[in-house]
Each structure stands twice: as C-alpha cells, then as structure tokens.
Amino acid sequence: MSLSDHIKCYYVGMTTTLTTDATQTKRIALIGVSHRAIKICNSLPESLTDIWDVCALWDIDPKRFAAFETEFPDHQAKTYAGLDTLEQLLRDEKPDMAFIATRDCHHAAPAITCLEHNVDVILEKPMVTDTGQAQALLDAESKSQARIHVAFNYRYQAKNTVMKQMLDEGIIGRVTTVEMNLYLNEVHGSSFFQRWNRYRSQSGGLCIHKCGHYLDLLGWWLNQKPVEVFSYGGLDYYGPEGEMNPSKKNGRHCSTCEESNKCAYHLTRSRKDSVDNHSSSLTNVNQAKRHLNIAWYSDYQPDACIFDDDIDVEDTYSAVILYDGGTMVNFSANFSSPFEQPRISFNGTRGRLEQGYHFSPEQTYTGNSLVHYPLFEKDGARVIPVKARPGSHGGGDPSMLEDICSDDETHLCRASARDGAYAVAIGEALWRSAQNNGEKILIADLLGEWY
C-alpha cells in the first residue's frame, strides 16, 4: 500500500460517528443542571436516544430546573435541590451513571459521593481544579466498583483522532518536539472573564479550565506522562490594567454599562460572529448577548465586566513541558487573538505533522486538514483532509457519549481519572511556575503516589 493510500484509510474511516454496544437503558443523574449539562442532552447521537434516561436533576439553584424543563418539557426526571439531597437522590433513583457539570470547584465532592455508592461518573472537564482534589478522586475510585470517565470531547474530534492514529503508526517516527499554540479570539477569549471562570478558586485558572483540553491531548497523542514544567504567564488584556479598559471601575455589567460604546471588546462582540458555545440551544438564549441568559440563574449574572479588579487568573501563557519519553513541548495560549484556532505541530525523526495552519490563498486548507511533511522524500508536503463528524464540539460530544455508554473498555479515545489528573497537574504546574518566575515544577511532586 502506498503512503497516500495508507493516509486515505485514516480520514475515510473517521467520517462517521462511533458505534455503541449499549443495549440497556442508562439511568442518568445530572449533577449540576448547567448549560453544559443541557447541551450534552441535546447532543445525544441517535444510537442513545432510546437508552439515555435522565432520571434525576440535582442543583442548588431551582431556576436551573426551569431551564431544563424549557428545553425538555416532557421530561420525567425528579428534581433534588440543595447540598444535602445528593445522598437521597442516589438512594432513591439508583442511577447507573452521574454526569457532573457543576462549576469546576464543586466536581470533587459529588463525584466522591457517587463513587462511594458505586455509581459511575462522567466528569465534565476539567476533572477538578487542583491536584489535591485529583488525588482524592483517584483514591476514592480505587476503593469503588465504579469508574470515572472524564469528558475530554476533543479526543473525539475526527482531526484529533486521526492525528492520534497517525502518530501511533509512526508516520513521523519518534516524536522529538511539539509546538502547540492556542489562539482564542476577542469574543470567546473575553467570555471567560465575564463569568465565574475568571476566579481561580472556582475554575483553577484557564490553564486548567480551558488549556486542560489540549494538555490532555498532548499526553494522549504522545502516549507519555508529563515530567516537569516551567512557564511564564500574565494578565495582559483583561483586569483593571487592560489596555482597552474605558475607565477603572468595578461592578459593571455589559447589559447596563454606560461605557459599552467605548469598549473595544463589547463592540467587537456585537459585530463578530460568536464562537462562544458555552450556552445550549435554550429558547431565548443568545450566545453573543450573554446578558439575555440572566433569567436562567439566581444571584448570578454572566456578563460581568472583563476589567474588574477581582480577576485573578492569567490570559497569556508560555511554557515548556517535558514528557517521560523525552519529547519536549513548547506550549502557549493567548485569550485575545484576532482569530480562533489551535496550531499544533509534531516534529519527528521521519518528518513533521501539522494541524491548524493556513497559508497563502493557493495553499489554504480547512482547519480539519492535517499536513504531513516527510523527511528525505522529494514530493514535499501532503495535505490530508479530514471530514468532521456531525454534532456539537466538532462531533466530539455525540461520539464521546457513545463511547462512554458502550461496553468497550479498550476504546482509543476514552479518558480515565488518571488522564484527568495529569491534565490538571500540568495546568497547575503552569500556574505555579509562572508565579515563581519560571521555576521548574515536577509533576510527581503535585500528584504524589498517584503519579
């Protein structure tokens, strides 16, 4: 088989969603009826529509039950409100699986409770917000008959799965270095600073909450464990010192701000197509005008000013990560870019593999394409088009749900609690190193016996 035919096998094979072996009804408890949880229910592939049974909803905010009912008016799920009702839910409803999509800082406690009741857990990424919680979860799982699945849906995007298969096949030989640069545009990047994600105590910082997607992909692609990290980071665009801040005031909200016509981010948000997909398809929910979501929450407004002085997370990172197979990674993230795109390159002893680059008009290819540059061959680069799977998050959500609900324990993409812990540990190391002028942070020191 020629190399071109060999490559064709990859992307032709990834044009459809995965299949599932699940045949019995899965009783699902939604722990945290967030927009993400509702979006997951809206993302069910056809193969799961008859077996995914949401039997219970748990939240501390009763308005979230109303939001769910607006989207699914015929649902039969029982509602449980308040911190002290989770044990009762697990006893009375006996779910097969719990999907936990609370704020990140509240993932660990309900997950441990579910494990104690031998209920499998799907944990929305990031698994938790720090390595102390990660160790506690790994310990709880080791004592339980149940298992944790981390919802790293990016693994299931066709372009990422094809990248994994090609690297595993050794198409570029042994991987020596990786360049990974994340660019979030002004709309998507700034949205994190309008919401609870801007507080480290609630999100672990964007080095964990958002970058965790990609830090997980790195280890999965490489089949290696992270060893050490050194990094720098800063708050360069947002917060009170942000260059585009109209004036230094606290407590403003985009929906009522008298200076919105002076805010470059607000003006860009109003004219640019929104890529912020952190809302479901709820009736009257507008992705670009976040203040229209206020009615679905109690005591929370998701359009806070991105220049408030209580923001304590970074919007820029630059780091080096060393893996135990010897691969070195140059990693960066920018949360205020003119465009939205991850750019990833693998350099190996037999060539280079790229994702997410755009060249001149004559060479332009879509963001799903991969490019292979073989060493020692005269034909040059080969563009490898990858057809995206259907569904939300580039087809990642429905394929992930099919996989997790299947009986296949060895699937290529499934993410374990240990995978989730490594992603959290690298993200925490990014922050800790940046706080200490680029000091080297050892992942083993953060995860202890669970490393």
Foldseek 3Di string as FASTA:
>chain_A
DDPVVVLVVQQVVLQAFDFFAFDAAFAEEEAALFLVVLQLVVFADPNCPVRDADAEYEEQWVLSVVLSCLVVVPHDHYYDHDDPCLLVCCVPVVGQEYEYDHQQQPQQVSLLVCQVSQHAYEYEPLNHQALVSLLVNVVSNVVGNYFYFYQLLVCSWSLLVSLLVCVVVQVQNQFAEKEKEFEAALQQLLLCLLFPNLACSRQNFCLGNPVLSVLLSVCLSNVWFWWKKFKAFAAAQFAQPHPQDPHRDADDFCVDDPCLVSGPSSVCLVPPDHPHPSGHPGPQCDRSPRQSCVSSGDPGGSGGGRHHHNRDHTQKMWMWIATPVNYIYTYIYHSHDNDGWMWMKTHHPFWMKIATDADPPVGGDDRSWMKTATPPDDPGIDIRHHNFYDGPPSNSSNSSVSVVSHPDPDDSRIDGSLSSSSSSLVSNSRVVNNVVVGDMDTSCVRNPPSD
